[in-house]
PDB file of N, CA and C in Angstrom:
ATOM      1  N   MET A   1       0.857  -1.174   0.000  1.00  0.00           N
ATOM      2  CA  MET A   1       0.000   0.000   0.000  1.00  0.00           C
ATOM      3  C   MET A   1       0.903   1.237   0.000  1.00  0.00           C
ATOM      4  N   TYR A   2       0.472   2.246  -0.701  1.00  0.00           N
ATOM      5  CA  TYR A   2       1.227   3.494  -0.794  1.00  0.00           C
ATOM      6  C   TYR A   2       0.363   4.624  -0.235  1.00  0.00           C
ATOM      7  N   GLN A   3       0.957   5.475   0.574  1.00  0.00           N
ATOM      8  CA  GLN A   3       0.212   6.512   1.292  1.00  0.00           C
ATOM      9  C   GLN A   3       0.728   7.900   0.957  1.00  0.00           C
ATOM     10  N   VAL A   4      -0.214   8.820   0.836  1.00  0.00           N
ATOM     11  CA  VAL A   4       0.093  10.243   0.679  1.00  0.00           C
ATOM     12  C   VAL A   4      -0.562  10.950   1.857  1.00  0.00           C
ATOM     13  N   THR A   5       0.220  11.679   2.625  1.00  0.00           N
ATOM     14  CA  THR A   5      -0.295  12.428   3.762  1.00  0.00           C
ATOM     15  C   THR A   5      -0.051  13.909   3.496  1.00  0.00           C
ATOM     16  N   VAL A   6      -1.118  14.697   3.630  1.00  0.00           N
ATOM     17  CA  VAL A   6      -1.008  16.140   3.399  1.00  0.00           C
ATOM     18  C   VAL A   6      -1.318  16.851   4.716  1.00  0.00           C
ATOM     19  N   LEU A   7      -0.370  17.617   5.202  1.00  0.00           N
ATOM     20  CA  LEU A   7      -0.500  18.364   6.449  1.00  0.00           C
ATOM     21  C   LEU A   7      -0.749  19.826   6.102  1.00  0.00           C
ATOM     22  N   TYR A   8      -1.963  20.293   6.338  1.00  0.00           N
ATOM     23  CA  TYR A   8      -2.322  21.678   6.007  1.00  0.00           C
ATOM     24  C   TYR A   8      -2.103  22.568   7.225  1.00  0.00           C
ATOM     25  N   ASN A   9      -1.371  23.652   7.042  1.00  0.00           N
ATOM     26  CA  ASN A   9      -1.147  24.624   8.115  1.00  0.00           C
ATOM     27  C   ASN A   9      -2.453  25.324   8.466  1.00  0.00           C
ATOM     28  N   HIS A  10      -2.472  25.948   9.627  1.00  0.00           N
ATOM     29  CA  HIS A  10      -3.668  26.670  10.082  1.00  0.00           C
ATOM     30  C   HIS A  10      -3.947  27.865   9.164  1.00  0.00           C
ATOM     31  N   PRO A  11      -5.135  27.891   8.554  1.00  0.00           N
ATOM     32  CA  PRO A  11      -5.466  29.008   7.662  1.00  0.00           C
ATOM     33  C   PRO A  11      -5.900  30.241   8.441  1.00  0.00           C
ATOM     34  N   GLU A  12      -5.822  31.391   7.792  1.00  0.00           N
ATOM     35  CA  GLU A  12      -6.329  32.618   8.415  1.00  0.00           C
ATOM     36  C   GLU A  12      -7.842  32.573   8.539  1.00  0.00           C
ATOM     37  N   ASP A  13      -8.522  32.129   7.505  1.00  0.00           N
ATOM     38  CA  ASP A  13      -9.986  32.057   7.503  1.00  0.00           C
ATOM     39  C   ASP A  13     -10.390  30.585   7.534  1.00  0.00           C
ATOM     40  N   ILE A  14     -10.606  30.073   8.736  1.00  0.00           N
ATOM     41  CA  ILE A  14     -10.913  28.652   8.915  1.00  0.00           C
ATOM     42  C   ILE A  14     -12.191  28.256   8.187  1.00  0.00           C
ATOM     43  N   ALA A  15     -13.236  29.055   8.302  1.00  0.00           N
ATOM     44  CA  ALA A  15     -14.519  28.716   7.672  1.00  0.00           C
ATOM     45  C   ALA A  15     -14.377  28.624   6.157  1.00  0.00           C
ATOM     46  N   ALA A  16     -13.675  29.568   5.545  1.00  0.00           N
ATOM     47  CA  ALA A  16     -13.490  29.551   4.088  1.00  0.00           C
ATOM     48  C   ALA A  16     -12.659  28.344   3.667  1.00  0.00           C
ATOM     49  N   PHE A  17     -11.607  28.046   4.412  1.00  0.00           N
ATOM     50  CA  PHE A  17     -10.770  26.881   4.115  1.00  0.00           C
ATOM     51  C   PHE A  17     -11.607  25.611   4.174  1.00  0.00           C
ATOM     52  N   ASP A  18     -12.309  25.416   5.291  1.00  0.00           N
ATOM     53  CA  ASP A  18     -13.091  24.195   5.477  1.00  0.00           C
ATOM     54  C   ASP A  18     -14.168  24.046   4.406  1.00  0.00           C
ATOM     55  N   ARG A  19     -14.828  25.127   4.081  1.00  0.00           N
ATOM     56  CA  ARG A  19     -15.874  25.081   3.051  1.00  0.00           C
ATOM     57  C   ARG A  19     -15.272  24.676   1.702  1.00  0.00           C
ATOM     58  N   HIS A  20     -14.169  25.311   1.314  1.00  0.00           N
ATOM     59  CA  HIS A  20     -13.542  24.983   0.032  1.00  0.00           C
ATOM     60  C   HIS A  20     -13.051  23.540   0.036  1.00  0.00           C
ATOM     61  N   TYR A  21     -12.458  23.126   1.140  1.00  0.00           N
ATOM     62  CA  TYR A  21     -11.938  21.758   1.201  1.00  0.00           C
ATOM     63  C   TYR A  21     -13.069  20.754   1.015  1.00  0.00           C
ATOM     64  N   ARG A  22     -14.140  20.929   1.770  1.00  0.00           N
ATOM     65  CA  ARG A  22     -15.251  19.968   1.717  1.00  0.00           C
ATOM     66  C   ARG A  22     -16.019  20.023   0.394  1.00  0.00           C
ATOM     67  N   GLU A  23     -16.266  21.211  -0.116  1.00  0.00           N
ATOM     68  CA  GLU A  23     -17.134  21.365  -1.279  1.00  0.00           C
ATOM     69  C   GLU A  23     -16.407  21.267  -2.624  1.00  0.00           C
ATOM     70  N   THR A  24     -15.114  21.584  -2.635  1.00  0.00           N
ATOM     71  CA  THR A  24     -14.390  21.615  -3.902  1.00  0.00           C
ATOM     72  C   THR A  24     -13.207  20.649  -3.929  1.00  0.00           C
ATOM     73  N   HIS A  25     -12.294  20.791  -2.968  1.00  0.00           N
ATOM     74  CA  HIS A  25     -11.051  20.025  -3.054  1.00  0.00           C
ATOM     75  C   HIS A  25     -11.257  18.533  -2.808  1.00  0.00           C
ATOM     76  N   ALA A  26     -11.973  18.176  -1.765  1.00  0.00           N
ATOM     77  CA  ALA A  26     -12.179  16.752  -1.479  1.00  0.00           C
ATOM     78  C   ALA A  26     -12.869  16.035  -2.642  1.00  0.00           C
ATOM     79  N   PRO A  27     -13.915  16.621  -3.243  1.00  0.00           N
ATOM     80  CA  PRO A  27     -14.506  15.947  -4.405  1.00  0.00           C
ATOM     81  C   PRO A  27     -13.528  15.789  -5.574  1.00  0.00           C
ATOM     82  N   LEU A  28     -12.649  16.775  -5.779  1.00  0.00           N
ATOM     83  CA  LEU A  28     -11.632  16.642  -6.832  1.00  0.00           C
ATOM     84  C   LEU A  28     -10.680  15.490  -6.507  1.00  0.00           C
ATOM     85  N   ALA A  29     -10.181  15.469  -5.287  1.00  0.00           N
ATOM     86  CA  ALA A  29      -9.233  14.425  -4.890  1.00  0.00           C
ATOM     87  C   ALA A  29      -9.880  13.042  -4.906  1.00  0.00           C
ATOM     88  N   ALA A  30     -11.142  12.967  -4.565  1.00  0.00           N
ATOM     89  CA  ALA A  30     -11.846  11.680  -4.544  1.00  0.00           C
ATOM     90  C   ALA A  30     -11.948  11.054  -5.934  1.00  0.00           C
ATOM     91  N   LYS A  31     -11.749  11.845  -6.985  1.00  0.00           N
ATOM     92  CA  LYS A  31     -11.816  11.338  -8.358  1.00  0.00           C
ATOM     93  C   LYS A  31     -10.487  10.750  -8.841  1.00  0.00           C
ATOM     94  N   LEU A  32      -9.447  10.804  -8.017  1.00  0.00           N
ATOM     95  CA  LEU A  32      -8.152  10.286  -8.446  1.00  0.00           C
ATOM     96  C   LEU A  32      -8.261   8.812  -8.809  1.00  0.00           C
ATOM     97  N   PRO A  33      -7.850   8.437 -10.007  1.00  0.00           N
ATOM     98  CA  PRO A  33      -7.922   7.026 -10.382  1.00  0.00           C
ATOM     99  C   PRO A  33      -6.992   6.196  -9.503  1.00  0.00           C
ATOM    100  N   GLY A  34      -7.454   5.046  -9.097  1.00  0.00           N
ATOM    101  CA  GLY A  34      -6.636   4.158  -8.271  1.00  0.00           C
ATOM    102  C   GLY A  34      -6.678   4.456  -6.786  1.00  0.00           C
ATOM    103  N   LEU A  35      -7.382   5.497  -6.387  1.00  0.00           N
ATOM    104  CA  LEU A  35      -7.498   5.841  -4.970  1.00  0.00           C
ATOM    105  C   LEU A  35      -8.336   4.776  -4.275  1.00  0.00           C
ATOM    106  N   THR A  36      -7.798   4.174  -3.208  1.00  0.00           N
ATOM    107  CA  THR A  36      -8.526   3.107  -2.518  1.00  0.00           C
ATOM    108  C   THR A  36      -9.149   3.558  -1.203  1.00  0.00           C
ATOM    109  N   ARG A  37      -8.624   4.620  -0.631  1.00  0.00           N
ATOM    110  CA  ARG A  37      -9.154   5.154   0.630  1.00  0.00           C
ATOM    111  C   ARG A  37      -8.695   6.592   0.756  1.00  0.00           C
ATOM    112  N   TYR A  38      -9.547   7.436   1.376  1.00  0.00           N
ATOM    113  CA  TYR A  38      -9.223   8.852   1.521  1.00  0.00           C
ATOM    114  C   TYR A  38      -9.888   9.327   2.810  1.00  0.00           C
ATOM    115  N   THR A  39      -9.088   9.804   3.742  1.00  0.00           N
ATOM    116  CA  THR A  39      -9.607  10.321   5.004  1.00  0.00           C
ATOM    117  C   THR A  39      -9.075  11.724   5.247  1.00  0.00           C
ATOM    118  N   ALA A  40      -9.831  12.491   6.032  1.00  0.00           N
ATOM    119  CA  ALA A  40      -9.388  13.817   6.461  1.00  0.00           C
ATOM    120  C   ALA A  40      -9.653  13.936   7.947  1.00  0.00           C
ATOM    121  N   CYS A  41      -8.709  14.524   8.652  1.00  0.00           N
ATOM    122  CA  CYS A  41      -8.832  14.715  10.102  1.00  0.00           C
ATOM    123  C   CYS A  41      -8.630  16.190  10.411  1.00  0.00           C
ATOM    124  N   TRP A  42      -9.684  16.814  10.930  1.00  0.00           N
ATOM    125  CA  TRP A  42      -9.570  18.184  11.431  1.00  0.00           C
ATOM    126  C   TRP A  42      -9.028  18.040  12.838  1.00  0.00           C
ATOM    127  N   THR A  43      -7.796  18.499  13.031  1.00  0.00           N
ATOM    128  CA  THR A  43      -7.075  18.192  14.260  1.00  0.00           C
ATOM    129  C   THR A  43      -7.606  18.961  15.466  1.00  0.00           C
ATOM    130  N   GLY A  44      -7.526  18.316  16.594  1.00  0.00           N
ATOM    131  CA  GLY A  44      -7.877  18.924  17.873  1.00  0.00           C
ATOM    132  C   GLY A  44      -6.609  19.106  18.691  1.00  0.00           C
ATOM    133  N   PRO A  45      -6.775  19.531  19.927  1.00  0.00           N
ATOM    134  CA  PRO A  45      -5.599  19.731  20.778  1.00  0.00           C
ATOM    135  C   PRO A  45      -4.879  18.410  21.066  1.00  0.00           C
ATOM    136  N   SER A  46      -3.601  18.523  21.353  1.00  0.00           N
ATOM    137  CA  SER A  46      -2.806  17.368  21.757  1.00  0.00           C
ATOM    138  C   SER A  46      -3.275  16.885  23.127  1.00  0.00           C
ATOM    139  N   PRO A  47      -2.875  15.689  23.549  1.00  0.00           N
ATOM    140  CA  PRO A  47      -3.295  15.194  24.861  1.00  0.00           C
ATOM    141  C   PRO A  47      -2.961  16.132  26.020  1.00  0.00           C
ATOM    142  N   ASP A  48      -1.893  16.926  25.867  1.00  0.00           N
ATOM    143  CA  ASP A  48      -1.534  17.855  26.937  1.00  0.00           C
ATOM    144  C   ASP A  48      -2.287  19.182  26.835  1.00  0.00           C
ATOM    145  N   GLY A  49      -3.188  19.294  25.823  1.00  0.00           N
ATOM    146  CA  GLY A  49      -3.983  20.501  25.661  1.00  0.00           C
ATOM    147  C   GLY A  49      -3.383  21.537  24.735  1.00  0.00           C
ATOM    148  N   SER A  50      -2.152  21.314  24.280  1.00  0.00           N
ATOM    149  CA  SER A  50      -1.531  22.290  23.382  1.00  0.00           C
ATOM    150  C   SER A  50      -2.172  22.193  21.996  1.00  0.00           C
ATOM    151  N   PRO A  51      -2.177  23.309  21.253  1.00  0.00           N
ATOM    152  CA  PRO A  51      -2.798  23.287  19.927  1.00  0.00           C
ATOM    153  C   PRO A  51      -2.053  22.361  18.971  1.00  0.00           C
ATOM    154  N   ALA A  52      -2.791  21.768  18.067  1.00  0.00           N
ATOM    155  CA  ALA A  52      -2.180  20.906  17.056  1.00  0.00           C
ATOM    156  C   ALA A  52      -1.338  21.752  16.100  1.00  0.00           C
ATOM    157  N   PRO A  53      -0.267  21.201  15.570  1.00  0.00           N
ATOM    158  CA  PRO A  53       0.583  21.969  14.664  1.00  0.00           C
ATOM    159  C   PRO A  53      -0.027  22.176  13.276  1.00  0.00           C
ATOM    160  N   HIS A  54      -1.080  21.433  12.947  1.00  0.00           N
ATOM    161  CA  HIS A  54      -1.721  21.552  11.640  1.00  0.00           C
ATOM    162  C   HIS A  54      -3.232  21.631  11.811  1.00  0.00           C
ATOM    163  N   HIS A  55      -3.901  22.233  10.844  1.00  0.00           N
ATOM    164  CA  HIS A  55      -5.356  22.363  10.865  1.00  0.00           C
ATOM    165  C   HIS A  55      -6.034  21.093  10.366  1.00  0.00           C
ATOM    166  N   LEU A  56      -5.492  20.508   9.319  1.00  0.00           N
ATOM    167  CA  LEU A  56      -6.112  19.355   8.679  1.00  0.00           C
ATOM    168  C   LEU A  56      -5.024  18.398   8.223  1.00  0.00           C
ATOM    169  N   VAL A  57      -5.289  17.109   8.390  1.00  0.00           N
ATOM    170  CA  VAL A  57      -4.400  16.073   7.883  1.00  0.00           C
ATOM    171  C   VAL A  57      -5.227  15.183   6.960  1.00  0.00           C
ATOM    172  N   ALA A  58      -4.859  15.156   5.689  1.00  0.00           N
ATOM    173  CA  ALA A  58      -5.543  14.306   4.718  1.00  0.00           C
ATOM    174  C   ALA A  58      -4.634  13.129   4.387  1.00  0.00           C
ATOM    175  N   THR A  59      -5.218  11.944   4.292  1.00  0.00           N
ATOM    176  CA  THR A  59      -4.456  10.747   3.976  1.00  0.00           C
ATOM    177  C   THR A  59      -5.131  10.019   2.822  1.00  0.00           C
ATOM    178  N   LEU A  60      -4.372   9.781   1.785  1.00  0.00           N
ATOM    179  CA  LEU A  60      -4.870   9.096   0.597  1.00  0.00           C
ATOM    180  C   LEU A  60      -4.063   7.818   0.407  1.00  0.00           C
ATOM    181  N   TYR A  61      -4.748   6.754   0.008  1.00  0.00           N
ATOM    182  CA  TYR A  61      -4.108   5.454  -0.143  1.00  0.00           C
ATOM    183  C   TYR A  61      -4.264   4.932  -1.565  1.00  0.00           C
ATOM    184  N   PHE A  62      -3.197   4.319  -2.051  1.00  0.00           N
ATOM    185  CA  PHE A  62      -3.157   3.691  -3.363  1.00  0.00           C
ATOM    186  C   PHE A  62      -2.542   2.309  -3.203  1.00  0.00           C
ATOM    187  N   ASP A  63      -2.780   1.428  -4.166  1.00  0.00           N
ATOM    188  CA  ASP A  63      -2.225   0.078  -4.085  1.00  0.00           C
ATOM    189  C   ASP A  63      -0.709   0.049  -4.233  1.00  0.00           C
ATOM    190  N   SER A  64      -0.146   1.037  -4.938  1.00  0.00           N
ATOM    191  CA  SER A  64       1.297   1.024  -5.195  1.00  0.00           C
ATOM    192  C   SER A  64       1.792   2.435  -5.507  1.00  0.00           C
ATOM    193  N   SER A  65       3.102   2.580  -5.504  1.00  0.00           N
ATOM    194  CA  SER A  65       3.681   3.875  -5.883  1.00  0.00           C
ATOM    195  C   SER A  65       3.389   4.172  -7.350  1.00  0.00           C
ATOM    196  N   GLU A  66       3.297   3.132  -8.165  1.00  0.00           N
ATOM    197  CA  GLU A  66       2.971   3.336  -9.578  1.00  0.00           C
ATOM    198  C   GLU A  66       1.550   3.879  -9.735  1.00  0.00           C
ATOM    199  N   ALA A  67       0.609   3.347  -8.958  1.00  0.00           N
ATOM    200  CA  ALA A  67      -0.778   3.834  -9.002  1.00  0.00           C
ATOM    201  C   ALA A  67      -0.832   5.289  -8.540  1.00  0.00           C
ATOM    202  N   PHE A  68      -0.079   5.615  -7.496  1.00  0.00           N
ATOM    203  CA  PHE A  68       0.013   6.996  -7.016  1.00  0.00           C
ATOM    204  C   PHE A  68       0.548   7.910  -8.119  1.00  0.00           C
ATOM    205  N   GLY A  69       1.651   7.515  -8.754  1.00  0.00           N
ATOM    206  CA  GLY A  69       2.252   8.323  -9.804  1.00  0.00           C
ATOM    207  C   GLY A  69       1.313   8.539 -10.976  1.00  0.00           C
ATOM    208  N   ALA A  70       0.611   7.489 -11.361  1.00  0.00           N
ATOM    209  CA  ALA A  70      -0.332   7.602 -12.468  1.00  0.00           C
ATOM    210  C   ALA A  70      -1.485   8.539 -12.112  1.00  0.00           C
ATOM    211  N   ALA A  71      -1.969   8.435 -10.889  1.00  0.00           N
ATOM    212  CA  ALA A  71      -3.097   9.270 -10.457  1.00  0.00           C
ATOM    213  C   ALA A  71      -2.740  10.752 -10.492  1.00  0.00           C
ATOM    214  N   PHE A  72      -1.564  11.093  -9.992  1.00  0.00           N
ATOM    215  CA  PHE A  72      -1.198  12.504  -9.904  1.00  0.00           C
ATOM    216  C   PHE A  72      -0.640  13.075 -11.203  1.00  0.00           C
ATOM    217  N   SER A  73      -0.270  12.221 -12.140  1.00  0.00           N
ATOM    218  CA  SER A  73       0.207  12.737 -13.426  1.00  0.00           C
ATOM    219  C   SER A  73      -0.932  12.896 -14.429  1.00  0.00           C
ATOM    220  N   GLY A  74      -2.088  12.323 -14.130  1.00  0.00           N
ATOM    221  CA  GLY A  74      -3.240  12.435 -15.016  1.00  0.00           C
ATOM    222  C   GLY A  74      -4.025  13.712 -14.777  1.00  0.00           C
ATOM    223  N   PRO A  75      -5.083  13.916 -15.559  1.00  0.00           N
ATOM    224  CA  PRO A  75      -5.858  15.157 -15.450  1.00  0.00           C
ATOM    225  C   PRO A  75      -6.517  15.355 -14.087  1.00  0.00           C
ATOM    226  N   GLU A  76      -6.970  14.283 -13.453  1.00  0.00           N
ATOM    227  CA  GLU A  76      -7.599  14.418 -12.139  1.00  0.00           C
ATOM    228  C   GLU A  76      -6.585  14.886 -11.098  1.00  0.00           C
ATOM    229  N   GLY A  77      -5.385  14.315 -11.149  1.00  0.00           N
ATOM    230  CA  GLY A  77      -4.331  14.713 -10.226  1.00  0.00           C
ATOM    231  C   GLY A  77      -3.866  16.134 -10.462  1.00  0.00           C
ATOM    232  N   GLN A  78      -3.771  16.516 -11.711  1.00  0.00           N
ATOM    233  CA  GLN A  78      -3.370  17.879 -12.026  1.00  0.00           C
ATOM    234  C   GLN A  78      -4.423  18.878 -11.560  1.00  0.00           C
ATOM    235  N   ALA A  79      -5.702  18.526 -11.693  1.00  0.00           N
ATOM    236  CA  ALA A  79      -6.776  19.420 -11.231  1.00  0.00           C
ATOM    237  C   ALA A  79      -6.734  19.574  -9.718  1.00  0.00           C
ATOM    238  N   ALA A  80      -6.533  18.470  -9.001  1.00  0.00           N
ATOM    239  CA  ALA A  80      -6.471  18.539  -7.536  1.00  0.00           C
ATOM    240  C   ALA A  80      -5.266  19.366  -7.086  1.00  0.00           C
ATOM    241  N   GLN A  81      -4.137  19.178  -7.740  1.00  0.00           N
ATOM    242  CA  GLN A  81      -2.944  19.941  -7.376  1.00  0.00           C
ATOM    243  C   GLN A  81      -3.114  21.427  -7.677  1.00  0.00           C
ATOM    244  N   ALA A  82      -3.720  21.754  -8.800  1.00  0.00           N
ATOM    245  CA  ALA A  82      -3.934  23.156  -9.165  1.00  0.00           C
ATOM    246  C   ALA A  82      -4.886  23.844  -8.191  1.00  0.00           C
ATOM    247  N   ASP A  83      -5.828  23.090  -7.632  1.00  0.00           N
ATOM    248  CA  ASP A  83      -6.809  23.669  -6.719  1.00  0.00           C
ATOM    249  C   ASP A  83      -6.185  24.105  -5.395  1.00  0.00           C
ATOM    250  N   ILE A  84      -5.071  23.541  -5.023  1.00  0.00           N
ATOM    251  CA  ILE A  84      -4.434  23.867  -3.739  1.00  0.00           C
ATOM    252  C   ILE A  84      -4.208  25.373  -3.601  1.00  0.00           C
ATOM    253  N   ALA A  85      -3.861  26.036  -4.666  1.00  0.00           N
ATOM    254  CA  ALA A  85      -3.607  27.479  -4.630  1.00  0.00           C
ATOM    255  C   ALA A  85      -4.848  28.281  -4.264  1.00  0.00           C
ATOM    256  N   HIS A  86      -6.022  27.698  -4.411  1.00  0.00           N
ATOM    257  CA  HIS A  86      -7.271  28.414  -4.144  1.00  0.00           C
ATOM    258  C   HIS A  86      -7.701  28.410  -2.678  1.00  0.00           C
ATOM    259  N   PHE A  87      -7.046  27.618  -1.827  1.00  0.00           N
ATOM    260  CA  PHE A  87      -7.496  27.576  -0.439  1.00  0.00           C
ATOM    261  C   PHE A  87      -6.388  27.355   0.585  1.00  0.00           C
ATOM    262  N   ALA A  88      -5.224  26.923   0.177  1.00  0.00           N
ATOM    263  CA  ALA A  88      -4.178  26.551   1.135  1.00  0.00           C
ATOM    264  C   ALA A  88      -3.038  27.566   1.174  1.00  0.00           C
ATOM    265  N   GLY A  89      -3.387  28.837   1.259  1.00  0.00           N
ATOM    266  CA  GLY A  89      -2.388  29.896   1.276  1.00  0.00           C
ATOM    267  C   GLY A  89      -1.453  29.869   2.466  1.00  0.00           C
ATOM    268  N   ALA A  90      -1.863  29.227   3.548  1.00  0.00           N
ATOM    269  CA  ALA A  90      -1.007  29.153   4.738  1.00  0.00           C
ATOM    270  C   ALA A  90       0.079  28.095   4.592  1.00  0.00           C
ATOM    271  N   GLY A  91       0.006  27.313   3.539  1.00  0.00           N
ATOM    272  CA  GLY A  91       1.039  26.312   3.273  1.00  0.00           C
ATOM    273  C   GLY A  91       0.637  24.916   3.688  1.00  0.00           C
ATOM    274  N   LEU A  92       1.420  23.961   3.226  1.00  0.00           N
ATOM    275  CA  LEU A  92       1.170  22.554   3.510  1.00  0.00           C
ATOM    276  C   LEU A  92       2.452  21.773   3.334  1.00  0.00           C
ATOM    277  N   THR A  93       2.440  20.562   3.842  1.00  0.00           N
ATOM    278  CA  THR A  93       3.545  19.620   3.677  1.00  0.00           C
ATOM    279  C   THR A  93       2.957  18.335   3.133  1.00  0.00           C
ATOM    280  N   ILE A  94       3.602  17.758   2.129  1.00  0.00           N
ATOM    281  CA  ILE A  94       3.148  16.495   1.559  1.00  0.00           C
ATOM    282  C   ILE A  94       4.199  15.433   1.841  1.00  0.00           C
ATOM    283  N   LEU A  95       3.748  14.316   2.404  1.00  0.00           N
ATOM    284  CA  LEU A  95       4.622  13.180   2.704  1.00  0.00           C
ATOM    285  C   LEU A  95       4.095  11.980   1.918  1.00  0.00           C
ATOM    286  N   THR A  96       4.978  11.221   1.290  1.00  0.00           N
ATOM    287  CA  THR A  96       4.565  10.040   0.546  1.00  0.00           C
ATOM    288  C   THR A  96       5.465   8.881   0.909  1.00  0.00           C
ATOM    289  N   GLY A  97       4.929   7.667   0.809  1.00  0.00           N
ATOM    290  CA  GLY A  97       5.756   6.501   1.051  1.00  0.00           C
ATOM    291  C   GLY A  97       4.950   5.236   1.219  1.00  0.00           C
ATOM    292  N   GLU A  98       5.680   4.124   1.254  1.00  0.00           N
ATOM    293  CA  GLU A  98       5.061   2.835   1.491  1.00  0.00           C
ATOM    294  C   GLU A  98       4.482   2.818   2.898  1.00  0.00           C
ATOM    295  N   ALA A  99       3.294   2.238   3.031  1.00  0.00           N
ATOM    296  CA  ALA A  99       2.615   2.193   4.332  1.00  0.00           C
ATOM    297  C   ALA A  99       2.419   0.744   4.763  1.00  0.00           C
ATOM    298  N   GLU A 100       2.494   0.525   6.044  1.00  0.00           N
ATOM    299  CA  GLU A 100       2.195  -0.774   6.636  1.00  0.00           C
ATOM    300  C   GLU A 100       1.061  -0.608   7.624  1.00  0.00           C
ATOM    301  N   THR A 101       0.181  -1.592   7.681  1.00  0.00           N
ATOM    302  CA  THR A 101      -0.900  -1.582   8.664  1.00  0.00           C
ATOM    303  C   THR A 101      -0.544  -2.559   9.762  1.00  0.00           C
ATOM    304  N   PHE A 102      -0.636  -2.111  11.008  1.00  0.00           N
ATOM    305  CA  PHE A 102      -0.270  -2.958  12.141  1.00  0.00           C
ATOM    306  C   PHE A 102      -1.485  -3.461  12.913  1.00  0.00           C
ATOM    307  N   VAL A 103      -2.598  -2.805  12.795  1.00  0.00           N
ATOM    308  CA  VAL A 103      -3.827  -3.258  13.482  1.00  0.00           C
ATOM    309  C   VAL A 103      -4.961  -3.225  12.490  1.00  0.00           C
TER     310      VAL A 103
END
């Protein structure tokens, strides 16, 4: 399994970010060919009560790195990537790699 994790920084306008993510970006990303699972987590405080370092963590799963590469090089992947500029002005970090499930 291959995983893509996107860590979105805290936006200035939370309501606008969340609305765009739910109504526009998530539907675009959900169309990625070969996508087997897609989750988003709106982060809460850490166990010690400190604020989370990111506003949203999105995780996308593919069967292989080849499936991931094909998805993001095609028109659906290009559309999802181009949309990032419309709502993620505070920045983001993208992590990719082979994933293992332990439970």
